[in-house]
């Protein structure tokens, strides 16, 4: 996945093991994670992401949990994706997730 994901999972595993031992040997430190602002996507960019991944509007809609009409509205700049949809589009665009059909 990513270095941040691996770091978080490793930390969660350590906490889980420490809690199983009643907290003995558990050294909790502060973890700082930079969360980037939610990216705004233009209709053209959304269409580029979709075509780059060989997806139809219907398949992208199913993947994101929205309707085909929503994808159409995004691509025609009538509407913009909300936060969670934008995050997923960003992950797809950065090829941090693969879409299996």
N, C-alpha and C. Protein backbone atom coordinates (compact mmCIF):
# COMPACT_ATOMS: atom_id res chain seq x y z
N UNK A 1 0.84 -1.18 0.00
CA UNK A 1 0.00 0.00 0.00
C UNK A 1 0.89 1.24 0.00
N UNK A 2 1.03 1.88 1.19
CA UNK A 2 1.84 3.07 1.30
C UNK A 2 2.62 3.01 2.61
N UNK A 3 3.64 3.84 2.72
CA UNK A 3 4.43 3.87 3.95
C UNK A 3 3.56 4.25 5.14
N UNK A 4 2.67 5.21 4.95
CA UNK A 4 1.80 5.65 6.04
C UNK A 4 0.89 4.52 6.49
N UNK A 5 0.31 3.81 5.52
CA UNK A 5 -0.56 2.68 5.84
C UNK A 5 0.22 1.61 6.61
N UNK A 6 1.41 1.26 6.13
CA UNK A 6 2.22 0.25 6.79
C UNK A 6 2.59 0.68 8.21
N UNK A 7 2.92 1.96 8.39
CA UNK A 7 3.25 2.48 9.71
C UNK A 7 2.05 2.39 10.65
N UNK A 8 0.90 2.78 10.17
CA UNK A 8 -0.31 2.71 10.98
C UNK A 8 -0.65 1.27 11.35
N UNK A 9 -0.57 0.37 10.40
CA UNK A 9 -0.89 -1.04 10.69
C UNK A 9 0.10 -1.64 11.68
N UNK A 10 1.37 -1.30 11.53
CA UNK A 10 2.38 -1.79 12.48
C UNK A 10 2.11 -1.28 13.89
N UNK A 11 1.75 -0.01 13.99
CA UNK A 11 1.43 0.59 15.29
C UNK A 11 0.21 -0.07 15.91
N UNK A 12 -0.83 -0.29 15.10
CA UNK A 12 -2.03 -0.94 15.61
C UNK A 12 -1.75 -2.37 16.07
N UNK A 13 -0.89 -3.08 15.35
CA UNK A 13 -0.51 -4.44 15.76
C UNK A 13 0.20 -4.41 17.12
N UNK A 14 1.12 -3.44 17.30
CA UNK A 14 1.83 -3.32 18.57
C UNK A 14 0.87 -3.02 19.72
N UNK A 15 -0.06 -2.11 19.48
CA UNK A 15 -1.05 -1.77 20.52
C UNK A 15 -1.89 -2.99 20.86
N UNK A 16 -2.32 -3.73 19.84
CA UNK A 16 -3.14 -4.91 20.05
C UNK A 16 -2.39 -5.94 20.89
N UNK A 17 -1.13 -6.19 20.57
CA UNK A 17 -0.33 -7.15 21.34
C UNK A 17 -0.12 -6.66 22.77
N UNK A 18 0.12 -5.37 22.92
CA UNK A 18 0.31 -4.80 24.25
C UNK A 18 -0.94 -4.91 25.10
N UNK A 19 -2.08 -4.68 24.51
CA UNK A 19 -3.34 -4.78 25.24
C UNK A 19 -3.63 -6.22 25.65
N UNK A 20 -3.23 -7.18 24.81
CA UNK A 20 -3.42 -8.59 25.15
C UNK A 20 -2.59 -8.96 26.38
N UNK A 21 -1.46 -8.27 26.59
CA UNK A 21 -0.59 -8.53 27.74
C UNK A 21 -0.91 -7.60 28.91
N UNK A 22 -2.10 -7.05 28.93
CA UNK A 22 -2.51 -6.16 30.01
C UNK A 22 -1.81 -4.81 29.99
N UNK A 23 -1.25 -4.44 28.86
CA UNK A 23 -0.59 -3.14 28.74
C UNK A 23 0.88 -3.16 29.12
N UNK A 24 1.39 -4.33 29.55
CA UNK A 24 2.81 -4.42 29.95
C UNK A 24 3.70 -4.25 28.72
N UNK A 25 4.69 -3.40 28.85
CA UNK A 25 5.63 -3.17 27.77
C UNK A 25 5.08 -2.32 26.65
N UNK A 26 3.90 -1.78 26.85
CA UNK A 26 3.28 -0.96 25.81
C UNK A 26 3.81 0.47 25.94
N UNK A 27 4.49 0.92 24.91
CA UNK A 27 5.05 2.26 24.89
C UNK A 27 4.30 3.07 23.84
N UNK A 28 3.39 3.90 24.29
CA UNK A 28 2.58 4.67 23.36
C UNK A 28 3.25 6.01 23.10
N UNK A 29 3.47 6.29 21.85
CA UNK A 29 4.04 7.57 21.43
C UNK A 29 3.05 8.25 20.51
N UNK A 30 3.27 9.51 20.30
CA UNK A 30 2.39 10.26 19.42
C UNK A 30 2.78 10.02 17.98
N UNK A 31 1.81 9.68 17.18
CA UNK A 31 2.03 9.47 15.75
C UNK A 31 1.44 10.65 15.00
N UNK A 32 2.26 11.29 14.20
CA UNK A 32 1.78 12.42 13.41
C UNK A 32 1.59 11.98 11.98
N UNK A 33 0.42 12.24 11.47
CA UNK A 33 0.10 11.89 10.10
C UNK A 33 -0.38 13.15 9.40
N UNK A 34 0.21 13.45 8.28
CA UNK A 34 -0.24 14.59 7.50
C UNK A 34 -1.38 14.16 6.59
N UNK A 35 -2.49 14.81 6.74
CA UNK A 35 -3.65 14.51 5.90
C UNK A 35 -3.77 15.64 4.89
N UNK A 36 -3.66 15.30 3.66
CA UNK A 36 -3.73 16.32 2.61
C UNK A 36 -5.16 16.81 2.45
N UNK A 37 -5.31 18.06 2.05
CA UNK A 37 -6.66 18.57 1.80
C UNK A 37 -7.35 17.75 0.71
N UNK A 38 -8.66 17.74 0.77
CA UNK A 38 -9.43 17.01 -0.24
C UNK A 38 -9.24 17.71 -1.59
N UNK A 39 -8.88 16.94 -2.56
CA UNK A 39 -8.62 17.47 -3.90
C UNK A 39 -9.94 17.70 -4.63
N UNK A 40 -9.99 18.76 -5.39
CA UNK A 40 -11.15 19.01 -6.24
C UNK A 40 -10.84 18.51 -7.64
N UNK A 41 -11.81 17.82 -8.22
CA UNK A 41 -11.63 17.24 -9.55
C UNK A 41 -12.54 17.93 -10.55
N UNK A 42 -11.98 18.26 -11.70
CA UNK A 42 -12.80 18.79 -12.79
C UNK A 42 -13.45 17.61 -13.50
N UNK A 43 -14.47 17.90 -14.27
CA UNK A 43 -15.13 16.86 -15.04
C UNK A 43 -14.17 16.17 -15.99
N UNK A 44 -13.30 16.95 -16.61
CA UNK A 44 -12.32 16.37 -17.55
C UNK A 44 -11.37 15.43 -16.82
N UNK A 45 -10.92 15.81 -15.63
CA UNK A 45 -10.01 14.96 -14.86
C UNK A 45 -10.68 13.65 -14.45
N UNK A 46 -11.95 13.73 -14.05
CA UNK A 46 -12.68 12.52 -13.68
C UNK A 46 -12.80 11.59 -14.88
N UNK A 47 -13.10 12.16 -16.03
CA UNK A 47 -13.20 11.34 -17.25
C UNK A 47 -11.85 10.73 -17.59
N UNK A 48 -10.76 11.47 -17.41
CA UNK A 48 -9.42 10.94 -17.67
C UNK A 48 -9.10 9.78 -16.74
N UNK A 49 -9.46 9.92 -15.47
CA UNK A 49 -9.24 8.83 -14.50
C UNK A 49 -10.02 7.60 -14.93
N UNK A 50 -11.26 7.82 -15.33
CA UNK A 50 -12.12 6.71 -15.73
C UNK A 50 -11.57 6.01 -16.97
N UNK A 51 -11.21 6.78 -17.99
CA UNK A 51 -10.74 6.16 -19.23
C UNK A 51 -9.35 5.53 -19.06
N UNK A 52 -8.51 6.14 -18.22
CA UNK A 52 -7.18 5.57 -17.95
C UNK A 52 -7.30 4.18 -17.34
N UNK A 53 -8.38 3.97 -16.58
CA UNK A 53 -8.61 2.67 -15.93
C UNK A 53 -9.56 1.78 -16.72
N UNK A 54 -9.84 2.18 -17.96
CA UNK A 54 -10.70 1.39 -18.85
C UNK A 54 -12.06 1.10 -18.22
N UNK A 55 -12.66 2.12 -17.62
CA UNK A 55 -13.95 1.96 -16.96
C UNK A 55 -15.04 2.71 -17.72
N UNK A 56 -16.21 2.13 -17.72
CA UNK A 56 -17.38 2.85 -18.21
C UNK A 56 -17.90 3.70 -17.07
N UNK A 57 -18.81 4.59 -17.37
CA UNK A 57 -19.44 5.38 -16.31
C UNK A 57 -20.17 4.47 -15.33
N UNK A 58 -20.80 3.43 -15.85
CA UNK A 58 -21.54 2.49 -15.00
C UNK A 58 -20.59 1.79 -14.02
N UNK A 59 -19.45 1.31 -14.51
CA UNK A 59 -18.51 0.60 -13.63
C UNK A 59 -17.90 1.52 -12.58
N UNK A 60 -17.53 2.74 -12.98
CA UNK A 60 -16.98 3.67 -12.01
C UNK A 60 -18.04 4.01 -10.96
N UNK A 61 -19.27 4.18 -11.40
CA UNK A 61 -20.37 4.48 -10.47
C UNK A 61 -20.53 3.34 -9.46
N UNK A 62 -20.52 2.11 -9.93
CA UNK A 62 -20.65 0.96 -9.02
C UNK A 62 -19.50 0.91 -8.03
N UNK A 63 -18.29 1.17 -8.52
CA UNK A 63 -17.11 1.13 -7.67
C UNK A 63 -17.19 2.19 -6.56
N UNK A 64 -17.66 3.39 -6.92
CA UNK A 64 -17.72 4.48 -5.96
C UNK A 64 -19.00 4.48 -5.13
N UNK A 65 -19.97 3.63 -5.52
CA UNK A 65 -21.23 3.57 -4.79
C UNK A 65 -22.15 4.73 -5.08
N UNK A 66 -22.08 5.21 -6.30
CA UNK A 66 -22.95 6.31 -6.74
C UNK A 66 -23.68 5.86 -8.00
N UNK A 67 -24.56 6.70 -8.50
CA UNK A 67 -25.30 6.35 -9.72
C UNK A 67 -24.54 6.79 -10.96
N UNK A 68 -24.92 6.21 -12.09
CA UNK A 68 -24.34 6.62 -13.37
C UNK A 68 -24.63 8.09 -13.63
N UNK A 69 -25.82 8.54 -13.23
CA UNK A 69 -26.18 9.95 -13.41
C UNK A 69 -25.24 10.87 -12.62
N UNK A 70 -24.79 10.40 -11.48
CA UNK A 70 -23.84 11.18 -10.69
C UNK A 70 -22.52 11.34 -11.44
N UNK A 71 -22.04 10.25 -12.02
CA UNK A 71 -20.80 10.31 -12.81
C UNK A 71 -20.99 11.26 -13.99
N UNK A 72 -22.13 11.15 -14.66
CA UNK A 72 -22.43 12.05 -15.78
C UNK A 72 -22.40 13.51 -15.33
N UNK A 73 -23.00 13.79 -14.17
CA UNK A 73 -23.04 15.16 -13.65
C UNK A 73 -21.64 15.66 -13.30
N UNK A 74 -20.81 14.79 -12.73
CA UNK A 74 -19.44 15.18 -12.42
C UNK A 74 -18.67 15.50 -13.69
N UNK A 75 -18.77 14.60 -14.68
CA UNK A 75 -18.00 14.78 -15.90
C UNK A 75 -18.45 15.99 -16.71
N UNK A 76 -19.69 16.40 -16.55
CA UNK A 76 -20.18 17.58 -17.26
C UNK A 76 -20.08 18.84 -16.39
N UNK A 77 -19.42 18.72 -15.24
CA UNK A 77 -19.21 19.83 -14.30
C UNK A 77 -20.50 20.41 -13.73
N UNK A 78 -21.57 19.63 -13.75
CA UNK A 78 -22.83 20.09 -13.13
C UNK A 78 -22.75 19.94 -11.62
N UNK A 79 -22.06 18.92 -11.15
CA UNK A 79 -21.85 18.67 -9.73
C UNK A 79 -20.39 18.31 -9.50
N UNK A 80 -19.99 18.31 -8.24
CA UNK A 80 -18.63 17.93 -7.85
C UNK A 80 -18.72 16.74 -6.89
N UNK A 81 -17.73 15.86 -6.91
CA UNK A 81 -17.72 14.74 -5.96
C UNK A 81 -17.61 15.25 -4.53
N UNK A 82 -18.24 14.53 -3.58
CA UNK A 82 -18.12 14.88 -2.17
C UNK A 82 -16.79 14.37 -1.62
N UNK A 83 -16.54 14.59 -0.35
CA UNK A 83 -15.27 14.22 0.26
C UNK A 83 -14.85 12.77 0.06
N UNK A 84 -15.68 11.80 0.49
CA UNK A 84 -15.27 10.41 0.33
C UNK A 84 -15.05 10.01 -1.13
N UNK A 85 -15.90 10.48 -2.01
CA UNK A 85 -15.74 10.16 -3.43
C UNK A 85 -14.46 10.79 -3.98
N UNK A 86 -14.16 12.00 -3.54
CA UNK A 86 -12.93 12.65 -3.99
C UNK A 86 -11.70 11.90 -3.50
N UNK A 87 -11.74 11.42 -2.27
CA UNK A 87 -10.61 10.64 -1.74
C UNK A 87 -10.42 9.37 -2.56
N UNK A 88 -11.51 8.68 -2.87
CA UNK A 88 -11.40 7.46 -3.67
C UNK A 88 -10.89 7.78 -5.07
N UNK A 89 -11.37 8.84 -5.68
CA UNK A 89 -10.87 9.24 -7.00
C UNK A 89 -9.37 9.53 -6.94
N UNK A 90 -8.95 10.17 -5.87
CA UNK A 90 -7.53 10.48 -5.72
C UNK A 90 -6.70 9.20 -5.61
N UNK A 91 -7.19 8.23 -4.84
CA UNK A 91 -6.48 6.95 -4.71
C UNK A 91 -6.40 6.23 -6.05
N UNK A 92 -7.50 6.25 -6.79
CA UNK A 92 -7.52 5.62 -8.10
C UNK A 92 -6.55 6.34 -9.04
N UNK A 93 -6.59 7.68 -9.01
CA UNK A 93 -5.75 8.49 -9.88
C UNK A 93 -4.27 8.26 -9.59
N UNK A 94 -3.93 8.12 -8.32
CA UNK A 94 -2.53 7.88 -7.93
C UNK A 94 -2.16 6.41 -8.00
N UNK A 95 -3.08 5.60 -8.46
CA UNK A 95 -2.92 4.15 -8.60
C UNK A 95 -2.50 3.50 -7.29
N UNK A 96 -3.10 4.02 -6.18
CA UNK A 96 -2.86 3.41 -4.88
C UNK A 96 -3.84 2.26 -4.65
N UNK A 97 -4.88 2.23 -5.45
CA UNK A 97 -5.82 1.12 -5.42
C UNK A 97 -6.03 0.68 -6.85
N UNK A 98 -6.24 -0.59 -7.04
CA UNK A 98 -6.52 -1.08 -8.38
C UNK A 98 -7.98 -1.49 -8.44
N UNK A 99 -8.55 -1.27 -9.58
CA UNK A 99 -9.94 -1.64 -9.79
C UNK A 99 -9.96 -2.96 -10.55
N UNK A 100 -10.48 -3.96 -9.90
CA UNK A 100 -10.57 -5.29 -10.52
C UNK A 100 -11.98 -5.47 -11.04
N UNK A 101 -12.07 -5.81 -12.31
CA UNK A 101 -13.39 -6.03 -12.91
C UNK A 101 -13.58 -7.50 -13.17
